[in-house]
Amino acid sequence: MSDQIIPAIVSFVIVAALSPLLIIVLRNFGLIQPIRKELPSDHQLKKGTPLMFGIILFVGIIVATLYSPTPLMFFLSITYILFSFVGFLDDFWKASRQDPGGVSGKTKLIFQFSFTGILLFYVVNKLGIDTNIHIYKNISVDLPIIFYVMVITLFVVGSANAINFTDGLDGLLGVVAIPTYFFFFMISERAEVQLFSLIMIGCLLGFLIYNIYPAKAFMGDTGSLAIGGSLSFLAILEKVEILIPILFFIYFAEQLSVILQVSSFKLTRKRIFRMTPIHYHFSLKYGWTENTIVAVFGFVSWSCTLTCLAYWKYFLYL
């Protein structure tokens, strides 16, 4: 255990120490968050806040690969890097052009589907992950490999973007993602997965020092898409796909609120929520502060994590 805690502490310390310098660099290069006009007035006050702060989480990737240079750790690191690359392109476009729209959704999806396909090929053919969906202990559904790849590809891309939607308030994604990484740390029998998860928790704790309200910098897609991609592939590696609707509850709720809002407006010209993703709805309709929303969503995320741990222990673990 100490072999895993030490690199996590190292990651926390490095992130906490280097973050002020990165914030200065981002501000000096003019890489700041453009604020959409339709966002609430309190968000307009955040104009000028540095973007792409998620770059600091690469500390975790460096520490992880140095402490455990194994094929599985390299896979986890490459997964994080590829999804972060997509987010970086979007963030750089937004910040350099001050365009809230960023790179087109089609372009981002092309990258995400391509990267996911390559990574899944490696998972199935090199890491030997089976194509079963485990439901209860030794009971599972064996899917044809083509169908499995199609379903899991949609899951990974969908989950990565759902987690990306969650990065909308100061500290929100960091607070919600920590329990999700903790789940994989607790259930995995792979030292690399445990180490990677614990290091990411350490990095996020260091990151939150500067990202909790009022945030001194924003994670951006550089961090949120990377977190989404890595968490999705951790679920595949650990064969807990059946638990994803609960484990990723907050992320999917954020994404579903957007889908429902767009669909409703197209069909009826009426909106279901005051604004989406749904965290804005709680702010505008009920007057919740950012800290209240982050605390409530964090509590829900921990509750979902503990529920999944219980199910895994009593119904999945052999």
C-alpha atoms as a PDB file:
ATOM      1  CA  MET A   1       0.000   0.000   0.000  1.00  0.00           C
ATOM      2  CA  SER A   2       2.807   2.436   0.883  1.00  0.00           C
ATOM      3  CA  ASP A   3       4.315   1.859  -2.570  1.00  0.00           C
ATOM      4  CA  GLN A   4       1.124   3.341  -4.025  1.00  0.00           C
ATOM      5  CA  ILE A   5       0.524   6.102  -1.471  1.00  0.00           C
ATOM      6  CA  ILE A   6       3.970   7.638  -1.911  1.00  0.00           C
ATOM      7  CA  PRO A   7       3.605   8.387  -5.669  1.00  0.00           C
ATOM      8  CA  ALA A   8       0.086   9.713  -4.999  1.00  0.00           C
ATOM      9  CA  ILE A   9       1.486  12.095  -2.378  1.00  0.00           C
ATOM     10  CA  VAL A  10       4.311  13.062  -4.738  1.00  0.00           C
ATOM     11  CA  SER A  11       1.749  13.836  -7.451  1.00  0.00           C
ATOM     12  CA  PHE A  12      -0.320  15.931  -5.044  1.00  0.00           C
ATOM     13  CA  VAL A  13       2.703  17.947  -3.926  1.00  0.00           C
ATOM     14  CA  ILE A  14       3.990  18.563  -7.455  1.00  0.00           C
ATOM     15  CA  VAL A  15       0.551  19.619  -8.739  1.00  0.00           C
ATOM     16  CA  ALA A  16       0.005  21.915  -5.753  1.00  0.00           C
ATOM     17  CA  ALA A  17       3.483  23.435  -6.152  1.00  0.00           C
ATOM     18  CA  LEU A  18       3.481  23.920  -9.952  1.00  0.00           C
ATOM     19  CA  SER A  19      -0.104  25.105 -10.395  1.00  0.00           C
ATOM     20  CA  PRO A  20       0.557  28.789  -9.552  1.00  0.00           C
ATOM     21  CA  LEU A  21       3.306  28.881 -12.168  1.00  0.00           C
ATOM     22  CA  LEU A  22       1.071  27.279 -14.803  1.00  0.00           C
ATOM     23  CA  ILE A  23      -1.710  29.753 -14.048  1.00  0.00           C
ATOM     24  CA  ILE A  24       0.701  32.643 -14.615  1.00  0.00           C
ATOM     25  CA  VAL A  25       1.921  31.121 -17.896  1.00  0.00           C
ATOM     26  CA  LEU A  26      -1.626  30.561 -19.191  1.00  0.00           C
ATOM     27  CA  ARG A  27      -2.612  34.126 -18.314  1.00  0.00           C
ATOM     28  CA  ASN A  28       0.522  35.625 -19.898  1.00  0.00           C
ATOM     29  CA  PHE A  29      -0.156  33.742 -23.148  1.00  0.00           C
ATOM     30  CA  GLY A  30      -3.750  34.954 -23.146  1.00  0.00           C
ATOM     31  CA  LEU A  31      -5.159  31.430 -22.868  1.00  0.00           C
ATOM     32  CA  ILE A  32      -8.295  32.442 -21.015  1.00  0.00           C
ATOM     33  CA  GLN A  33     -11.846  31.076 -20.989  1.00  0.00           C
ATOM     34  CA  PRO A  34     -14.328  32.819 -23.313  1.00  0.00           C
ATOM     35  CA  ILE A  35     -17.688  33.014 -21.504  1.00  0.00           C
ATOM     36  CA  ARG A  36     -20.880  32.205 -23.391  1.00  0.00           C
ATOM     37  CA  LYS A  37     -23.326  35.142 -23.309  1.00  0.00           C
ATOM     38  CA  GLU A  38     -26.260  32.957 -22.277  1.00  0.00           C
ATOM     39  CA  LEU A  39     -24.613  31.802 -19.050  1.00  0.00           C
ATOM     40  CA  PRO A  40     -25.828  33.304 -15.729  1.00  0.00           C
ATOM     41  CA  SER A  41     -24.511  36.697 -14.659  1.00  0.00           C
ATOM     42  CA  ASP A  42     -22.252  35.242 -11.960  1.00  0.00           C
ATOM     43  CA  HIS A  43     -20.448  33.282 -14.679  1.00  0.00           C
ATOM     44  CA  GLN A  44     -19.855  36.445 -16.683  1.00  0.00           C
ATOM     45  CA  LEU A  45     -17.672  37.626 -13.803  1.00  0.00           C
ATOM     46  CA  LYS A  46     -15.310  34.721 -14.524  1.00  0.00           C
ATOM     47  CA  LYS A  47     -14.185  36.268 -17.797  1.00  0.00           C
ATOM     48  CA  GLY A  48     -10.399  36.330 -17.963  1.00  0.00           C
ATOM     49  CA  THR A  49      -9.899  33.119 -15.971  1.00  0.00           C
ATOM     50  CA  PRO A  50      -7.118  30.948 -17.450  1.00  0.00           C
ATOM     51  CA  LEU A  51      -8.232  27.875 -19.386  1.00  0.00           C
ATOM     52  CA  MET A  52      -6.468  24.551 -20.077  1.00  0.00           C
ATOM     53  CA  PHE A  53      -5.478  24.170 -16.417  1.00  0.00           C
ATOM     54  CA  GLY A  54      -6.063  20.429 -16.912  1.00  0.00           C
ATOM     55  CA  ILE A  55      -2.539  20.287 -18.352  1.00  0.00           C
ATOM     56  CA  ILE A  56      -1.288  20.096 -14.760  1.00  0.00           C
ATOM     57  CA  LEU A  57      -2.839  16.632 -14.408  1.00  0.00           C
ATOM     58  CA  PHE A  58      -0.150  15.312 -16.760  1.00  0.00           C
ATOM     59  CA  VAL A  59       2.006  15.248 -13.650  1.00  0.00           C
ATOM     60  CA  GLY A  60       0.092  12.108 -12.722  1.00  0.00           C
ATOM     61  CA  ILE A  61       0.835  10.448 -16.038  1.00  0.00           C
ATOM     62  CA  ILE A  62       4.559  11.141 -15.683  1.00  0.00           C
ATOM     63  CA  VAL A  63       4.699   9.920 -12.093  1.00  0.00           C
ATOM     64  CA  ALA A  64       2.642   6.797 -12.888  1.00  0.00           C
ATOM     65  CA  THR A  65       4.806   5.695 -15.804  1.00  0.00           C
ATOM     66  CA  LEU A  66       8.021   6.366 -13.874  1.00  0.00           C
ATOM     67  CA  TYR A  67       6.881   4.320 -10.884  1.00  0.00           C
ATOM     68  CA  SER A  68       5.377   1.498 -12.933  1.00  0.00           C
ATOM     69  CA  PRO A  69       6.688   1.316 -16.542  1.00  0.00           C
ATOM     70  CA  THR A  70       4.558  -1.692 -17.507  1.00  0.00           C
ATOM     71  CA  PRO A  71       2.504  -2.295 -20.683  1.00  0.00           C
ATOM     72  CA  LEU A  72      -0.771  -1.785 -18.791  1.00  0.00           C
ATOM     73  CA  MET A  73       0.394   1.486 -17.253  1.00  0.00           C
ATOM     74  CA  PHE A  74       1.572   2.697 -20.656  1.00  0.00           C
ATOM     75  CA  PHE A  75      -1.870   1.821 -22.016  1.00  0.00           C
ATOM     76  CA  LEU A  76      -3.616   3.809 -19.274  1.00  0.00           C
ATOM     77  CA  SER A  77      -1.276   6.742 -19.843  1.00  0.00           C
ATOM     78  CA  ILE A  78      -1.726   6.699 -23.623  1.00  0.00           C
ATOM     79  CA  THR A  79      -5.499   6.534 -23.187  1.00  0.00           C
ATOM     80  CA  TYR A  80      -5.369   9.627 -21.010  1.00  0.00           C
ATOM     81  CA  ILE A  81      -3.040  11.435 -23.433  1.00  0.00           C
ATOM     82  CA  LEU A  82      -5.125  10.711 -26.547  1.00  0.00           C
ATOM     83  CA  PHE A  83      -8.359  11.997 -25.041  1.00  0.00           C
ATOM     84  CA  SER A  84      -6.513  14.949 -23.544  1.00  0.00           C
ATOM     85  CA  PHE A  85      -5.190  15.773 -27.028  1.00  0.00           C
ATOM     86  CA  VAL A  86      -8.755  16.125 -28.327  1.00  0.00           C
ATOM     87  CA  GLY A  87      -9.605  18.370 -25.409  1.00  0.00           C
ATOM     88  CA  PHE A  88      -6.436  20.404 -25.901  1.00  0.00           C
ATOM     89  CA  LEU A  89      -7.362  21.139 -29.514  1.00  0.00           C
ATOM     90  CA  ASP A  90     -10.775  22.377 -28.399  1.00  0.00           C
ATOM     91  CA  ASP A  91      -9.399  24.464 -25.527  1.00  0.00           C
ATOM     92  CA  PHE A  92      -6.650  26.024 -27.620  1.00  0.00           C
ATOM     93  CA  TRP A  93      -9.154  27.011 -30.298  1.00  0.00           C
ATOM     94  CA  LYS A  94     -11.460  28.562 -27.685  1.00  0.00           C
ATOM     95  CA  ALA A  95      -8.713  30.415 -25.864  1.00  0.00           C
ATOM     96  CA  SER A  96      -6.631  31.606 -28.814  1.00  0.00           C
ATOM     97  CA  ARG A  97      -9.636  32.762 -30.852  1.00  0.00           C
ATOM     98  CA  GLN A  98     -11.882  33.623 -27.886  1.00  0.00           C
ATOM     99  CA  ASP A  99     -14.542  31.460 -29.501  1.00  0.00           C
ATOM    100  CA  PRO A 100     -16.761  29.653 -26.934  1.00  0.00           C
ATOM    101  CA  GLY A 101     -17.803  27.174 -29.630  1.00  0.00           C
ATOM    102  CA  GLY A 102     -14.331  25.683 -30.002  1.00  0.00           C
ATOM    103  CA  VAL A 103     -13.537  22.936 -32.500  1.00  0.00           C
ATOM    104  CA  SER A 104     -16.581  21.496 -34.275  1.00  0.00           C
ATOM    105  CA  GLY A 105     -18.349  18.609 -32.576  1.00  0.00           C
ATOM    106  CA  LYS A 106     -17.904  16.490 -35.700  1.00  0.00           C
ATOM    107  CA  THR A 107     -14.125  16.912 -35.612  1.00  0.00           C
ATOM    108  CA  LYS A 108     -13.929  15.979 -31.948  1.00  0.00           C
ATOM    109  CA  LEU A 109     -16.100  12.902 -32.476  1.00  0.00           C
ATOM    110  CA  ILE A 110     -13.960  11.713 -35.389  1.00  0.00           C
ATOM    111  CA  PHE A 111     -10.884  11.850 -33.156  1.00  0.00           C
ATOM    112  CA  GLN A 112     -12.671  10.195 -30.242  1.00  0.00           C
ATOM    113  CA  PHE A 113     -14.134   7.329 -32.278  1.00  0.00           C
ATOM    114  CA  SER A 114     -10.785   6.742 -34.002  1.00  0.00           C
ATOM    115  CA  PHE A 115      -8.806   6.692 -30.770  1.00  0.00           C
ATOM    116  CA  THR A 116     -11.392   4.509 -29.050  1.00  0.00           C
ATOM    117  CA  GLY A 117     -11.312   1.969 -31.876  1.00  0.00           C
ATOM    118  CA  ILE A 118      -7.518   1.710 -31.703  1.00  0.00           C
ATOM    119  CA  LEU A 119      -7.524   1.394 -27.917  1.00  0.00           C
ATOM    120  CA  LEU A 120     -10.269  -1.243 -27.939  1.00  0.00           C
ATOM    121  CA  PHE A 121      -8.349  -3.287 -30.492  1.00  0.00           C
ATOM    122  CA  TYR A 122      -5.392  -3.283 -28.117  1.00  0.00           C
ATOM    123  CA  VAL A 123      -7.582  -4.137 -25.109  1.00  0.00           C
ATOM    124  CA  VAL A 124      -9.137  -7.170 -26.784  1.00  0.00           C
ATOM    125  CA  ASN A 125      -6.138  -8.475 -28.719  1.00  0.00           C
ATOM    126  CA  LYS A 126      -3.186  -7.571 -26.496  1.00  0.00           C
ATOM    127  CA  LEU A 127      -4.554  -7.317 -22.976  1.00  0.00           C
ATOM    128  CA  GLY A 128      -6.861 -10.281 -23.463  1.00  0.00           C
ATOM    129  CA  ILE A 129     -10.022  -8.639 -22.116  1.00  0.00           C
ATOM    130  CA  ASP A 130     -13.017 -10.830 -22.919  1.00  0.00           C
ATOM    131  CA  THR A 131     -16.189  -9.608 -24.596  1.00  0.00           C
ATOM    132  CA  ASN A 132     -18.515 -10.725 -21.818  1.00  0.00           C
ATOM    133  CA  ILE A 133     -20.739  -8.383 -19.840  1.00  0.00           C
ATOM    134  CA  HIS A 134     -20.637  -9.626 -16.245  1.00  0.00           C
ATOM    135  CA  ILE A 135     -23.965  -9.445 -14.457  1.00  0.00           C
ATOM    136  CA  TYR A 136     -23.806 -11.632 -11.345  1.00  0.00           C
ATOM    137  CA  LYS A 137     -20.735 -13.476 -10.057  1.00  0.00           C
ATOM    138  CA  ASN A 138     -20.082 -16.170 -12.703  1.00  0.00           C
ATOM    139  CA  ILE A 139     -23.119 -15.205 -14.795  1.00  0.00           C
ATOM    140  CA  SER A 140     -22.344 -13.114 -17.857  1.00  0.00           C
ATOM    141  CA  VAL A 141     -23.607 -12.380 -21.336  1.00  0.00           C
ATOM    142  CA  ASP A 142     -21.169 -13.308 -24.096  1.00  0.00           C
ATOM    143  CA  LEU A 143     -21.412 -10.799 -26.920  1.00  0.00           C
ATOM    144  CA  PRO A 144     -20.105 -11.288 -30.464  1.00  0.00           C
ATOM    145  CA  ILE A 145     -16.898  -9.309 -30.753  1.00  0.00           C
ATOM    146  CA  ILE A 146     -18.280  -6.987 -33.459  1.00  0.00           C
ATOM    147  CA  PHE A 147     -21.338  -6.144 -31.373  1.00  0.00           C
ATOM    148  CA  TYR A 148     -19.220  -5.746 -28.235  1.00  0.00           C
ATOM    149  CA  VAL A 149     -16.834  -3.324 -29.957  1.00  0.00           C
ATOM    150  CA  MET A 150     -19.728  -1.278 -31.350  1.00  0.00           C
ATOM    151  CA  VAL A 151     -21.502  -1.042 -27.983  1.00  0.00           C
ATOM    152  CA  ILE A 152     -18.347  -0.311 -25.996  1.00  0.00           C
ATOM    153  CA  THR A 153     -17.162   2.285 -28.506  1.00  0.00           C
ATOM    154  CA  LEU A 154     -20.438   4.164 -28.115  1.00  0.00           C
ATOM    155  CA  PHE A 155     -20.141   3.796 -24.344  1.00  0.00           C
ATOM    156  CA  VAL A 156     -16.599   5.203 -24.215  1.00  0.00           C
ATOM    157  CA  VAL A 157     -17.292   8.185 -26.472  1.00  0.00           C
ATOM    158  CA  GLY A 158     -20.624   8.859 -24.785  1.00  0.00           C
ATOM    159  CA  SER A 159     -19.140   8.611 -21.297  1.00  0.00           C
ATOM    160  CA  ALA A 160     -16.156  10.806 -22.129  1.00  0.00           C
ATOM    161  CA  ASN A 161     -18.467  13.538 -23.372  1.00  0.00           C
ATOM    162  CA  ALA A 162     -20.849  13.082 -20.440  1.00  0.00           C
ATOM    163  CA  ILE A 163     -17.956  13.608 -18.040  1.00  0.00           C
ATOM    164  CA  ASN A 164     -16.917  16.612 -20.119  1.00  0.00           C
ATOM    165  CA  PHE A 165     -20.379  18.150 -19.554  1.00  0.00           C
ATOM    166  CA  THR A 166     -19.838  17.843 -15.803  1.00  0.00           C
ATOM    167  CA  ASP A 167     -16.950  20.313 -15.933  1.00  0.00           C
ATOM    168  CA  GLY A 168     -19.135  23.415 -15.728  1.00  0.00           C
ATOM    169  CA  LEU A 169     -18.743  24.784 -12.201  1.00  0.00           C
ATOM    170  CA  ASP A 170     -15.736  25.553 -10.053  1.00  0.00           C
ATOM    171  CA  GLY A 171     -14.438  22.297  -8.591  1.00  0.00           C
ATOM    172  CA  LEU A 172     -17.397  20.215  -9.788  1.00  0.00           C
ATOM    173  CA  LEU A 173     -15.684  17.594 -11.941  1.00  0.00           C
ATOM    174  CA  GLY A 174     -12.767  17.186  -9.544  1.00  0.00           C
ATOM    175  CA  VAL A 175     -15.081  16.567  -6.589  1.00  0.00           C
ATOM    176  CA  VAL A 176     -17.273  14.151  -8.557  1.00  0.00           C
ATOM    177  CA  ALA A 177     -14.397  12.261 -10.239  1.00  0.00           C
ATOM    178  CA  ILE A 178     -12.421  11.505  -7.069  1.00  0.00           C
ATOM    179  CA  PRO A 179     -14.947   8.926  -5.748  1.00  0.00           C
ATOM    180  CA  THR A 180     -15.117   7.307  -9.198  1.00  0.00           C
ATOM    181  CA  TYR A 181     -11.354   6.806  -9.267  1.00  0.00           C
ATOM    182  CA  PHE A 182     -11.582   5.586  -5.652  1.00  0.00           C
ATOM    183  CA  PHE A 183     -13.998   2.861  -6.776  1.00  0.00           C
ATOM    184  CA  PHE A 184     -11.470   1.465  -9.239  1.00  0.00           C
ATOM    185  CA  PHE A 185      -8.700   1.701  -6.654  1.00  0.00           C
ATOM    186  CA  MET A 186     -10.789  -0.368  -4.255  1.00  0.00           C
ATOM    187  CA  ILE A 187     -11.936  -3.142  -6.599  1.00  0.00           C
ATOM    188  CA  SER A 188      -8.940  -3.720  -8.863  1.00  0.00           C
ATOM    189  CA  GLU A 189      -6.491  -6.545  -8.347  1.00  0.00           C
ATOM    190  CA  ARG A 190      -4.140  -4.961 -10.871  1.00  0.00           C
ATOM    191  CA  ALA A 191      -1.376  -2.940  -9.219  1.00  0.00           C
ATOM    192  CA  GLU A 192      -1.243  -0.581 -12.205  1.00  0.00           C
ATOM    193  CA  VAL A 193      -4.948   0.269 -12.001  1.00  0.00           C
ATOM    194  CA  GLN A 194      -4.685   0.843  -8.254  1.00  0.00           C
ATOM    195  CA  LEU A 195      -1.628   3.053  -8.684  1.00  0.00           C
ATOM    196  CA  PHE A 196      -3.085   5.020 -11.593  1.00  0.00           C
ATOM    197  CA  SER A 197      -6.362   5.624  -9.731  1.00  0.00           C
ATOM    198  CA  LEU A 198      -4.649   6.714  -6.526  1.00  0.00           C
ATOM    199  CA  ILE A 199      -2.279   9.027  -8.389  1.00  0.00           C
ATOM    200  CA  MET A 200      -5.200  10.641 -10.211  1.00  0.00           C
ATOM    201  CA  ILE A 201      -6.896  11.217  -6.855  1.00  0.00           C
ATOM    202  CA  GLY A 202      -3.705  12.856  -5.584  1.00  0.00           C
ATOM    203  CA  CYS A 203      -3.500  15.063  -8.679  1.00  0.00           C
ATOM    204  CA  LEU A 204      -7.162  16.092  -8.418  1.00  0.00           C
ATOM    205  CA  LEU A 205      -6.775  17.010  -4.752  1.00  0.00           C
ATOM    206  CA  GLY A 206      -3.818  19.227  -5.636  1.00  0.00           C
ATOM    207  CA  PHE A 207      -5.769  20.638  -8.583  1.00  0.00           C
ATOM    208  CA  LEU A 208      -8.805  21.458  -6.425  1.00  0.00           C
ATOM    209  CA  ILE A 209      -6.767  23.810  -4.256  1.00  0.00           C
ATOM    210  CA  TYR A 210      -6.863  26.220  -7.191  1.00  0.00           C
ATOM    211  CA  ASN A 211     -10.118  25.136  -8.831  1.00  0.00           C
ATOM    212  CA  ILE A 212     -12.644  25.309  -5.989  1.00  0.00           C
ATOM    213  CA  TYR A 213     -14.826  28.410  -5.898  1.00  0.00           C
ATOM    214  CA  PRO A 214     -13.687  30.972  -6.834  1.00  0.00           C
ATOM    215  CA  ALA A 215     -11.551  29.102  -9.350  1.00  0.00           C
ATOM    216  CA  LYS A 216      -8.182  30.600 -10.215  1.00  0.00           C
ATOM    217  CA  ALA A 217      -8.157  28.514 -13.426  1.00  0.00           C
ATOM    218  CA  PHE A 218     -10.445  26.144 -15.344  1.00  0.00           C
ATOM    219  CA  MET A 219      -9.682  22.529 -16.147  1.00  0.00           C
ATOM    220  CA  GLY A 220     -11.030  22.734 -19.679  1.00  0.00           C
ATOM    221  CA  ASP A 221     -11.570  19.838 -22.063  1.00  0.00           C
ATOM    222  CA  THR A 222      -7.833  19.131 -21.804  1.00  0.00           C
ATOM    223  CA  GLY A 223      -8.547  17.593 -18.422  1.00  0.00           C
ATOM    224  CA  SER A 224     -12.230  16.645 -18.546  1.00  0.00           C
ATOM    225  CA  LEU A 225     -12.106  14.567 -21.747  1.00  0.00           C
ATOM    226  CA  ALA A 226      -8.954  12.851 -20.491  1.00  0.00           C
ATOM    227  CA  ILE A 227     -10.651  11.980 -17.212  1.00  0.00           C
ATOM    228  CA  GLY A 228     -13.663  10.732 -19.166  1.00  0.00           C
ATOM    229  CA  GLY A 229     -11.592   8.516 -21.435  1.00  0.00           C
ATOM    230  CA  SER A 230      -9.512   7.056 -18.619  1.00  0.00           C
ATOM    231  CA  LEU A 231     -12.496   6.301 -16.372  1.00  0.00           C
ATOM    232  CA  SER A 232     -14.351   4.657 -19.265  1.00  0.00           C
ATOM    233  CA  PHE A 233     -11.461   2.331 -20.050  1.00  0.00           C
ATOM    234  CA  LEU A 234     -10.979   1.516 -16.373  1.00  0.00           C
ATOM    235  CA  ALA A 235     -14.571   0.262 -16.383  1.00  0.00           C
ATOM    236  CA  ILE A 236     -13.794  -1.932 -19.395  1.00  0.00           C
ATOM    237  CA  LEU A 237     -10.585  -3.316 -17.908  1.00  0.00           C
ATOM    238  CA  GLU A 238     -12.293  -4.174 -14.627  1.00  0.00           C
ATOM    239  CA  LYS A 239     -15.376  -5.661 -16.353  1.00  0.00           C
ATOM    240  CA  VAL A 240     -17.903  -3.599 -14.390  1.00  0.00           C
ATOM    241  CA  GLU A 241     -19.922  -2.376 -17.369  1.00  0.00           C
ATOM    242  CA  ILE A 242     -23.116  -3.444 -15.584  1.00  0.00           C
ATOM    243  CA  LEU A 243     -22.433  -0.853 -12.854  1.00  0.00           C
ATOM    244  CA  ILE A 244     -21.822   2.091 -15.170  1.00  0.00           C
ATOM    245  CA  PRO A 245     -25.380   3.563 -15.001  1.00  0.00           C
ATOM    246  CA  ILE A 246     -24.943   3.927 -11.228  1.00  0.00           C
ATOM    247  CA  LEU A 247     -21.227   4.675 -11.052  1.00  0.00           C
ATOM    248  CA  PHE A 248     -21.479   7.334 -13.776  1.00  0.00           C
ATOM    249  CA  PHE A 249     -24.884   8.591 -12.591  1.00  0.00           C
ATOM    250  CA  ILE A 250     -23.887  12.259 -12.238  1.00  0.00           C
ATOM    251  CA  TYR A 251     -22.118  12.307 -15.602  1.00  0.00           C
ATOM    252  CA  PHE A 252     -25.043  10.705 -17.421  1.00  0.00           C
ATOM    253  CA  ALA A 253     -27.547  12.988 -15.680  1.00  0.00           C
ATOM    254  CA  GLU A 254     -25.612  15.981 -16.984  1.00  0.00           C
ATOM    255  CA  GLN A 255     -25.546  14.578 -20.502  1.00  0.00           C
ATOM    256  CA  LEU A 256     -29.166  13.394 -20.476  1.00  0.00           C
ATOM    257  CA  SER A 257     -30.373  16.827 -19.393  1.00  0.00           C
ATOM    258  CA  VAL A 258     -28.771  18.317 -22.514  1.00  0.00           C
ATOM    259  CA  ILE A 259     -30.273  15.652 -24.780  1.00  0.00           C
ATOM    260  CA  LEU A 260     -33.757  16.102 -23.276  1.00  0.00           C
ATOM    261  CA  GLN A 261     -33.528  19.882 -23.472  1.00  0.00           C
ATOM    262  CA  VAL A 262     -32.516  19.907 -27.134  1.00  0.00           C
ATOM    263  CA  SER A 263     -35.101  17.269 -28.090  1.00  0.00           C
ATOM    264  CA  SER A 264     -37.900  19.046 -26.248  1.00  0.00           C
ATOM    265  CA  PHE A 265     -37.112  22.396 -27.811  1.00  0.00           C
ATOM    266  CA  LYS A 266     -36.938  20.927 -31.310  1.00  0.00           C
ATOM    267  CA  LEU A 267     -40.245  19.099 -30.911  1.00  0.00           C
ATOM    268  CA  THR A 268     -42.305  21.531 -28.813  1.00  0.00           C
ATOM    269  CA  ARG A 269     -40.285  24.763 -28.770  1.00  0.00           C
ATOM    270  CA  LYS A 270     -40.393  24.451 -24.971  1.00  0.00           C
ATOM    271  CA  ARG A 271     -37.562  23.848 -22.515  1.00  0.00           C
ATOM    272  CA  ILE A 272     -37.680  21.306 -19.703  1.00  0.00           C
ATOM    273  CA  PHE A 273     -34.891  22.914 -17.675  1.00  0.00           C
ATOM    274  CA  ARG A 274     -33.969  26.530 -17.096  1.00  0.00           C
ATOM    275  CA  MET A 275     -30.544  25.767 -18.556  1.00  0.00           C
ATOM    276  CA  THR A 276     -28.420  22.719 -19.248  1.00  0.00           C
ATOM    277  CA  PRO A 277     -26.286  20.879 -18.287  1.00  0.00           C
ATOM    278  CA  ILE A 278     -28.480  20.334 -15.258  1.00  0.00           C
ATOM    279  CA  HIS A 279     -26.149  21.953 -12.720  1.00  0.00           C
ATOM    280  CA  TYR A 280     -27.154  25.331 -14.194  1.00  0.00           C
ATOM    281  CA  HIS A 281     -30.827  24.449 -13.632  1.00  0.00           C
ATOM    282  CA  PHE A 282     -30.290  24.114  -9.889  1.00  0.00           C
ATOM    283  CA  SER A 283     -28.564  27.483  -9.859  1.00  0.00           C
ATOM    284  CA  LEU A 284     -31.183  29.385 -11.868  1.00  0.00           C
ATOM    285  CA  LYS A 285     -34.369  27.716 -10.610  1.00  0.00           C
ATOM    286  CA  TYR A 286     -33.536  27.073  -6.966  1.00  0.00           C
ATOM    287  CA  GLY A 287     -30.850  29.656  -6.336  1.00  0.00           C
ATOM    288  CA  TRP A 288     -28.244  27.117  -5.250  1.00  0.00           C
ATOM    289  CA  THR A 289     -24.733  28.495  -4.994  1.00  0.00           C
ATOM    290  CA  GLU A 290     -21.872  26.827  -6.839  1.00  0.00           C
ATOM    291  CA  ASN A 291     -20.517  25.438  -3.569  1.00  0.00           C
ATOM    292  CA  THR A 292     -23.920  23.940  -2.715  1.00  0.00           C
ATOM    293  CA  ILE A 293     -24.230  22.261  -6.113  1.00  0.00           C
ATOM    294  CA  VAL A 294     -20.684  20.891  -5.917  1.00  0.00           C
ATOM    295  CA  ALA A 295     -21.288  19.571  -2.391  1.00  0.00           C
ATOM    296  CA  VAL A 296     -24.592  17.897  -3.336  1.00  0.00           C
ATOM    297  CA  PHE A 297     -23.254  16.392  -6.557  1.00  0.00           C
ATOM    298  CA  GLY A 298     -20.159  15.200  -4.694  1.00  0.00           C
ATOM    299  CA  PHE A 299     -22.350  13.545  -2.059  1.00  0.00           C
ATOM    300  CA  VAL A 300     -24.386  11.816  -4.767  1.00  0.00           C
ATOM    301  CA  SER A 301     -21.195  10.639  -6.484  1.00  0.00           C
ATOM    302  CA  TRP A 302     -19.858   9.146  -3.237  1.00  0.00           C
ATOM    303  CA  SER A 303     -23.246   7.496  -2.604  1.00  0.00           C
ATOM    304  CA  CYS A 304     -23.193   5.942  -6.081  1.00  0.00           C
ATOM    305  CA  THR A 305     -19.612   4.776  -5.538  1.00  0.00           C
ATOM    306  CA  LEU A 306     -20.451   3.099  -2.225  1.00  0.00           C
ATOM    307  CA  THR A 307     -23.530   1.479  -3.796  1.00  0.00           C
ATOM    308  CA  CYS A 308     -21.379   0.084  -6.601  1.00  0.00           C
ATOM    309  CA  LEU A 309     -18.769  -1.160  -4.141  1.00  0.00           C
ATOM    310  CA  ALA A 310     -21.477  -3.054  -2.270  1.00  0.00           C
ATOM    311  CA  TYR A 311     -22.902  -4.569  -5.464  1.00  0.00           C
ATOM    312  CA  TRP A 312     -19.431  -5.516  -6.666  1.00  0.00           C
ATOM    313  CA  LYS A 313     -18.535  -7.187  -3.375  1.00  0.00           C
ATOM    314  CA  TYR A 314     -21.727  -9.171  -2.910  1.00  0.00           C
ATOM    315  CA  PHE A 315     -22.938  -9.793  -6.462  1.00  0.00           C
ATOM    316  CA  LEU A 316     -19.992  -9.563  -8.873  1.00  0.00           C
ATOM    317  CA  TYR A 317     -16.806 -10.525  -7.052  1.00  0.00           C
ATOM    318  CA  LEU A 318     -16.123 -14.267  -7.195  1.00  0.00           C
END
